[in-house]
Amino acid sequence: MGKPDKSGSLPEVAGKLGIGSYHRHVFLCVGEECCSAEAGQAAWDALKKELKDKNLSLSAGPNACYRTKAGCLRVCQQGPIAVVYPEGTWYANLTADRIPLFVQEHLIEGRPVEAWTFAANPLPNESD
């Protein structure tokens, strides 16, 4: 699967990307203030691969997940840093070798890997 066709109107492009059907959004900070460029890129590549291999990316299933590479999440230490919404679970040291377990445990099974988390800031839930 290559990159989605991004021609067309904004709503068409959003539809092609699956925006509107995701259940989680992972922001991965690859900024060089918290980790080396190599470590950040390796984590990003691993995240893209795992999401694709597990059919979570560009998907509409119950575990559909969007990903965004960020230049800075302002924590600036013990990176790569990641945050998963809507849970608002923050991860430190989310290196490429940890990505497969993170994807399986948190994104598929719904259980954050507590040993790697350092904060939680869930978004408000409509049922709250």
N, C-alpha and C. Protein backbone atom coordinates (compact mmCIF):
# COMPACT_ATOMS: atom_id res chain seq x y z
N MET A 1 0.85 -1.17 0.00
CA MET A 1 0.00 0.00 0.00
C MET A 1 0.90 1.23 0.00
N GLY A 2 0.73 2.09 -1.00
CA GLY A 2 1.50 3.32 -1.09
C GLY A 2 0.81 4.44 -0.34
N LYS A 3 1.30 5.65 -0.57
CA LYS A 3 0.68 6.80 0.06
C LYS A 3 -0.71 7.03 -0.54
N PRO A 4 -1.66 7.48 0.29
CA PRO A 4 -2.99 7.73 -0.23
C PRO A 4 -2.97 8.89 -1.22
N ASP A 5 -3.89 8.83 -2.17
CA ASP A 5 -4.05 9.91 -3.14
C ASP A 5 -4.55 11.14 -2.39
N LYS A 6 -3.79 12.24 -2.48
CA LYS A 6 -4.17 13.45 -1.76
C LYS A 6 -4.69 14.53 -2.69
N SER A 7 -5.13 14.12 -3.89
CA SER A 7 -5.76 15.08 -4.78
C SER A 7 -7.24 15.16 -4.44
N GLY A 8 -7.85 16.27 -4.75
CA GLY A 8 -9.27 16.45 -4.48
C GLY A 8 -9.50 17.51 -3.42
N SER A 9 -10.74 17.66 -3.03
CA SER A 9 -11.10 18.65 -2.02
C SER A 9 -10.61 18.20 -0.65
N LEU A 10 -10.59 19.12 0.28
CA LEU A 10 -10.15 18.79 1.64
C LEU A 10 -10.99 17.66 2.25
N PRO A 11 -12.31 17.70 2.15
CA PRO A 11 -13.09 16.57 2.68
C PRO A 11 -12.76 15.24 1.99
N GLU A 12 -12.47 15.27 0.69
CA GLU A 12 -12.11 14.04 -0.02
C GLU A 12 -10.77 13.50 0.47
N VAL A 13 -9.81 14.38 0.65
CA VAL A 13 -8.49 13.97 1.14
C VAL A 13 -8.62 13.39 2.54
N ALA A 14 -9.37 14.08 3.40
CA ALA A 14 -9.58 13.58 4.77
C ALA A 14 -10.21 12.20 4.74
N GLY A 15 -11.18 12.00 3.86
CA GLY A 15 -11.81 10.69 3.73
C GLY A 15 -10.84 9.62 3.29
N LYS A 16 -9.98 9.94 2.34
CA LYS A 16 -8.98 8.98 1.86
C LYS A 16 -8.00 8.60 2.97
N LEU A 17 -7.76 9.53 3.90
CA LEU A 17 -6.85 9.26 5.02
C LEU A 17 -7.55 8.58 6.19
N GLY A 18 -8.85 8.42 6.09
CA GLY A 18 -9.61 7.78 7.16
C GLY A 18 -9.93 8.71 8.31
N ILE A 19 -9.68 10.00 8.14
CA ILE A 19 -9.95 10.95 9.22
C ILE A 19 -11.44 10.97 9.50
N GLY A 20 -11.78 10.78 10.75
CA GLY A 20 -13.17 10.68 11.16
C GLY A 20 -13.54 9.29 11.64
N SER A 21 -12.66 8.32 11.37
CA SER A 21 -12.96 6.94 11.79
C SER A 21 -11.90 6.37 12.74
N TYR A 22 -10.96 7.20 13.16
CA TYR A 22 -9.91 6.71 14.06
C TYR A 22 -10.38 6.71 15.51
N HIS A 23 -9.87 5.75 16.26
CA HIS A 23 -10.20 5.64 17.67
C HIS A 23 -9.07 6.16 18.56
N ARG A 24 -7.87 6.20 18.01
CA ARG A 24 -6.71 6.71 18.75
C ARG A 24 -5.84 7.52 17.81
N HIS A 25 -5.08 8.43 18.42
CA HIS A 25 -4.12 9.23 17.67
C HIS A 25 -2.82 9.22 18.46
N VAL A 26 -1.75 8.76 17.81
CA VAL A 26 -0.43 8.70 18.43
C VAL A 26 0.41 9.84 17.88
N PHE A 27 0.92 10.68 18.77
CA PHE A 27 1.89 11.71 18.41
C PHE A 27 3.24 11.22 18.89
N LEU A 28 4.20 11.12 18.00
CA LEU A 28 5.55 10.67 18.36
C LEU A 28 6.52 11.82 18.14
N CYS A 29 7.16 12.25 19.20
CA CYS A 29 8.13 13.34 19.12
C CYS A 29 9.49 12.78 18.73
N VAL A 30 10.00 13.29 17.63
CA VAL A 30 11.30 12.84 17.16
C VAL A 30 12.30 14.00 17.17
N GLY A 31 12.00 15.04 17.94
CA GLY A 31 12.87 16.22 18.01
C GLY A 31 14.21 15.90 18.64
N GLU A 32 15.21 16.59 18.18
CA GLU A 32 16.58 16.30 18.64
C GLU A 32 16.90 16.89 20.01
N GLU A 33 15.94 17.50 20.66
CA GLU A 33 16.15 17.97 22.03
C GLU A 33 15.98 16.83 23.04
N CYS A 34 15.22 15.79 22.64
CA CYS A 34 14.96 14.70 23.59
C CYS A 34 15.59 13.37 23.17
N CYS A 35 15.97 13.27 21.89
CA CYS A 35 16.62 12.04 21.42
C CYS A 35 17.41 12.36 20.16
N SER A 36 18.28 11.47 19.78
CA SER A 36 19.04 11.69 18.55
C SER A 36 18.12 11.59 17.35
N ALA A 37 18.52 12.22 16.26
CA ALA A 37 17.74 12.15 15.02
C ALA A 37 17.59 10.70 14.58
N GLU A 38 18.63 9.91 14.75
CA GLU A 38 18.59 8.50 14.34
C GLU A 38 17.58 7.72 15.17
N ALA A 39 17.59 7.93 16.50
CA ALA A 39 16.65 7.21 17.37
C ALA A 39 15.22 7.63 17.07
N GLY A 40 15.00 8.91 16.85
CA GLY A 40 13.66 9.39 16.52
C GLY A 40 13.16 8.82 15.21
N GLN A 41 14.00 8.84 14.19
CA GLN A 41 13.59 8.31 12.89
C GLN A 41 13.36 6.81 12.95
N ALA A 42 14.19 6.10 13.69
CA ALA A 42 14.01 4.65 13.82
C ALA A 42 12.68 4.33 14.51
N ALA A 43 12.33 5.10 15.55
CA ALA A 43 11.06 4.89 16.24
C ALA A 43 9.89 5.19 15.31
N TRP A 44 9.99 6.27 14.54
CA TRP A 44 8.94 6.63 13.59
C TRP A 44 8.76 5.54 12.54
N ASP A 45 9.85 5.07 11.99
CA ASP A 45 9.79 4.00 10.98
C ASP A 45 9.16 2.74 11.56
N ALA A 46 9.53 2.41 12.80
CA ALA A 46 8.97 1.22 13.45
C ALA A 46 7.47 1.40 13.70
N LEU A 47 7.05 2.59 14.10
CA LEU A 47 5.64 2.84 14.35
C LEU A 47 4.84 2.72 13.05
N LYS A 48 5.33 3.32 11.98
CA LYS A 48 4.65 3.22 10.69
C LYS A 48 4.51 1.76 10.27
N LYS A 49 5.58 0.99 10.40
CA LYS A 49 5.58 -0.42 9.99
C LYS A 49 4.60 -1.23 10.83
N GLU A 50 4.65 -1.06 12.13
CA GLU A 50 3.76 -1.84 13.01
C GLU A 50 2.29 -1.51 12.75
N LEU A 51 1.98 -0.24 12.59
CA LEU A 51 0.59 0.14 12.34
C LEU A 51 0.11 -0.44 11.01
N LYS A 52 0.98 -0.42 10.01
CA LYS A 52 0.62 -0.99 8.71
C LYS A 52 0.49 -2.52 8.82
N ASP A 53 1.48 -3.17 9.43
CA ASP A 53 1.47 -4.63 9.54
C ASP A 53 0.27 -5.14 10.33
N LYS A 54 -0.19 -4.38 11.32
CA LYS A 54 -1.32 -4.79 12.16
C LYS A 54 -2.65 -4.26 11.62
N ASN A 55 -2.62 -3.65 10.44
CA ASN A 55 -3.81 -3.10 9.79
C ASN A 55 -4.53 -2.08 10.67
N LEU A 56 -3.77 -1.22 11.33
CA LEU A 56 -4.34 -0.17 12.17
C LEU A 56 -4.30 1.19 11.49
N SER A 57 -3.45 1.32 10.49
CA SER A 57 -3.28 2.59 9.79
C SER A 57 -4.16 2.60 8.54
N LEU A 58 -4.77 3.73 8.26
CA LEU A 58 -5.69 3.86 7.13
C LEU A 58 -6.75 2.77 7.19
N SER A 59 -7.28 2.57 8.39
CA SER A 59 -8.23 1.51 8.67
C SER A 59 -9.47 2.11 9.32
N ALA A 60 -10.55 1.39 9.29
CA ALA A 60 -11.77 1.83 9.96
C ALA A 60 -12.19 0.86 11.05
N GLY A 61 -11.33 -0.06 11.41
CA GLY A 61 -11.66 -1.06 12.42
C GLY A 61 -11.70 -0.48 13.82
N PRO A 62 -12.01 -1.31 14.81
CA PRO A 62 -12.16 -0.83 16.18
C PRO A 62 -10.85 -0.32 16.80
N ASN A 63 -9.72 -0.69 16.23
CA ASN A 63 -8.43 -0.23 16.73
C ASN A 63 -7.75 0.75 15.78
N ALA A 64 -8.51 1.31 14.84
CA ALA A 64 -7.96 2.24 13.85
C ALA A 64 -7.21 3.36 14.55
N CYS A 65 -6.02 3.64 14.06
CA CYS A 65 -5.12 4.58 14.73
C CYS A 65 -4.47 5.51 13.71
N TYR A 66 -4.45 6.78 14.03
CA TYR A 66 -3.77 7.78 13.21
C TYR A 66 -2.44 8.08 13.87
N ARG A 67 -1.46 8.46 13.09
CA ARG A 67 -0.14 8.76 13.65
C ARG A 67 0.34 10.10 13.13
N THR A 68 1.06 10.82 13.98
CA THR A 68 1.63 12.11 13.61
C THR A 68 3.04 12.19 14.16
N LYS A 69 3.97 12.55 13.28
CA LYS A 69 5.35 12.78 13.70
C LYS A 69 5.46 14.23 14.15
N ALA A 70 5.89 14.44 15.38
CA ALA A 70 6.01 15.78 15.95
C ALA A 70 7.47 16.16 16.12
N GLY A 71 7.75 17.43 15.93
CA GLY A 71 9.11 17.93 16.12
C GLY A 71 9.42 18.25 17.57
N CYS A 72 8.38 18.52 18.36
CA CYS A 72 8.60 18.83 19.77
C CYS A 72 7.29 18.73 20.54
N LEU A 73 7.29 17.92 21.58
CA LEU A 73 6.16 17.85 22.51
C LEU A 73 6.50 18.56 23.82
N ARG A 74 7.63 19.25 23.84
CA ARG A 74 8.09 20.14 24.92
C ARG A 74 8.55 19.43 26.19
N VAL A 75 8.64 18.13 26.18
CA VAL A 75 9.16 17.40 27.35
C VAL A 75 10.69 17.41 27.28
N CYS A 76 11.23 17.18 26.12
CA CYS A 76 12.66 17.36 25.80
C CYS A 76 13.62 16.56 26.67
N GLN A 77 13.24 15.38 27.06
CA GLN A 77 14.16 14.45 27.72
C GLN A 77 13.58 13.05 27.66
N GLN A 78 14.46 12.08 27.72
CA GLN A 78 14.11 10.67 27.73
C GLN A 78 13.21 10.28 26.55
N GLY A 79 13.54 10.82 25.38
CA GLY A 79 12.76 10.52 24.19
C GLY A 79 13.25 9.29 23.47
N PRO A 80 12.57 8.92 22.45
CA PRO A 80 11.40 9.55 21.86
C PRO A 80 10.21 9.54 22.84
N ILE A 81 9.51 10.68 22.86
CA ILE A 81 8.32 10.85 23.68
C ILE A 81 7.11 10.61 22.79
N ALA A 82 6.07 10.01 23.36
CA ALA A 82 4.83 9.81 22.62
C ALA A 82 3.66 10.11 23.54
N VAL A 83 2.56 10.51 22.92
CA VAL A 83 1.30 10.66 23.65
C VAL A 83 0.21 10.05 22.79
N VAL A 84 -0.68 9.30 23.45
CA VAL A 84 -1.78 8.62 22.77
C VAL A 84 -3.09 9.24 23.26
N TYR A 85 -3.88 9.70 22.30
CA TYR A 85 -5.20 10.24 22.61
C TYR A 85 -6.28 9.35 22.03
N PRO A 86 -7.44 9.23 22.70
CA PRO A 86 -7.98 10.14 23.68
C PRO A 86 -7.55 9.87 25.12
N GLU A 87 -6.85 8.74 25.36
CA GLU A 87 -6.46 8.42 26.73
C GLU A 87 -5.52 9.45 27.35
N GLY A 88 -4.71 10.09 26.52
CA GLY A 88 -3.74 11.05 27.02
C GLY A 88 -2.60 10.38 27.78
N THR A 89 -2.21 9.20 27.33
CA THR A 89 -1.12 8.46 27.97
C THR A 89 0.20 8.92 27.37
N TRP A 90 1.11 9.35 28.23
CA TRP A 90 2.42 9.86 27.80
C TRP A 90 3.49 8.80 28.05
N TYR A 91 4.31 8.58 27.03
CA TYR A 91 5.38 7.58 27.09
C TYR A 91 6.75 8.25 26.96
N ALA A 92 7.71 7.73 27.71
CA ALA A 92 9.12 8.12 27.58
C ALA A 92 9.89 6.96 26.99
N ASN A 93 11.02 7.27 26.37
CA ASN A 93 11.91 6.23 25.84
C ASN A 93 11.19 5.24 24.93
N LEU A 94 10.31 5.75 24.07
CA LEU A 94 9.58 4.86 23.18
C LEU A 94 10.42 4.62 21.93
N THR A 95 11.48 3.86 22.13
CA THR A 95 12.44 3.55 21.08
C THR A 95 11.89 2.50 20.12
N ALA A 96 12.54 2.36 18.99
CA ALA A 96 12.09 1.44 17.94
C ALA A 96 11.89 0.02 18.47
N ASP A 97 12.75 -0.44 19.35
CA ASP A 97 12.62 -1.80 19.86
C ASP A 97 11.41 -1.98 20.78
N ARG A 98 10.87 -0.89 21.32
CA ARG A 98 9.69 -0.95 22.18
C ARG A 98 8.37 -0.81 21.41
N ILE A 99 8.45 -0.32 20.19
CA ILE A 99 7.24 -0.03 19.42
C ILE A 99 6.34 -1.27 19.24
N PRO A 100 6.87 -2.45 18.88
CA PRO A 100 5.96 -3.60 18.69
C PRO A 100 5.13 -3.92 19.94
N LEU A 101 5.74 -3.92 21.12
CA LEU A 101 4.99 -4.20 22.34
C LEU A 101 3.98 -3.08 22.63
N PHE A 102 4.39 -1.82 22.42
CA PHE A 102 3.50 -0.67 22.60
C PHE A 102 2.26 -0.81 21.70
N VAL A 103 2.46 -1.14 20.45
CA VAL A 103 1.34 -1.28 19.51
C VAL A 103 0.44 -2.42 19.95
N GLN A 104 1.01 -3.56 20.29
CA GLN A 104 0.21 -4.72 20.69
C GLN A 104 -0.56 -4.44 21.98
N GLU A 105 0.16 -4.00 23.00
CA GLU A 105 -0.46 -3.83 24.32
C GLU A 105 -1.43 -2.65 24.36
N HIS A 106 -0.98 -1.49 23.92
CA HIS A 106 -1.82 -0.30 24.07
C HIS A 106 -2.82 -0.13 22.93
N LEU A 107 -2.34 -0.17 21.70
CA LEU A 107 -3.21 0.17 20.58
C LEU A 107 -4.14 -0.96 20.18
N ILE A 108 -3.74 -2.21 20.39
CA ILE A 108 -4.60 -3.34 20.04
C ILE A 108 -5.38 -3.83 21.26
N GLU A 109 -4.69 -4.05 22.36
CA GLU A 109 -5.36 -4.63 23.53
C GLU A 109 -5.91 -3.59 24.50
N GLY A 110 -5.55 -2.32 24.30
CA GLY A 110 -6.11 -1.25 25.12
C GLY A 110 -5.51 -1.11 26.51
N ARG A 111 -4.33 -1.68 26.70
CA ARG A 111 -3.66 -1.60 28.01
C ARG A 111 -2.35 -0.85 27.85
N PRO A 112 -2.26 0.39 28.37
CA PRO A 112 -0.98 1.10 28.29
C PRO A 112 0.14 0.29 28.96
N VAL A 113 1.34 0.45 28.44
CA VAL A 113 2.51 -0.21 29.03
C VAL A 113 2.97 0.69 30.17
N GLU A 114 2.43 0.42 31.35
CA GLU A 114 2.62 1.31 32.51
C GLU A 114 4.09 1.59 32.84
N ALA A 115 4.95 0.61 32.65
CA ALA A 115 6.37 0.79 32.99
C ALA A 115 7.02 1.89 32.16
N TRP A 116 6.44 2.24 31.02
CA TRP A 116 7.03 3.25 30.15
C TRP A 116 6.30 4.59 30.20
N THR A 117 5.17 4.66 30.93
CA THR A 117 4.40 5.90 30.97
C THR A 117 4.88 6.79 32.11
N PHE A 118 4.68 8.10 31.91
CA PHE A 118 5.06 9.04 32.96
C PHE A 118 3.96 10.04 33.29
N ALA A 119 2.88 10.08 32.52
CA ALA A 119 1.78 10.99 32.80
C ALA A 119 0.54 10.53 32.07
N ALA A 120 -0.61 11.02 32.54
CA ALA A 120 -1.88 10.75 31.87
C ALA A 120 -2.70 12.03 31.89
N ASN A 121 -3.29 12.34 30.75
CA ASN A 121 -4.13 13.53 30.60
C ASN A 121 -5.23 13.22 29.60
N PRO A 122 -6.22 12.39 30.01
CA PRO A 122 -7.26 11.99 29.07
C PRO A 122 -8.10 13.17 28.61
N LEU A 123 -8.55 13.07 27.35
CA LEU A 123 -9.46 14.07 26.83
C LEU A 123 -10.84 13.84 27.43
N PRO A 124 -11.64 14.88 27.54
CA PRO A 124 -13.01 14.67 28.05
C PRO A 124 -13.77 13.69 27.17
N ASN A 125 -14.59 12.90 27.81
CA ASN A 125 -15.39 11.91 27.12
C ASN A 125 -16.83 12.40 27.10
N GLU A 126 -17.52 12.24 25.96
CA GLU A 126 -18.90 12.71 25.83
C GLU A 126 -19.80 12.09 26.89
N SER A 127 -19.48 10.90 27.39
CA SER A 127 -20.32 10.24 28.38
C SER A 127 -20.02 10.70 29.80
N ASP A 128 -18.96 11.52 29.98
CA ASP A 128 -18.62 12.03 31.33
C ASP A 128 -19.65 13.04 31.79
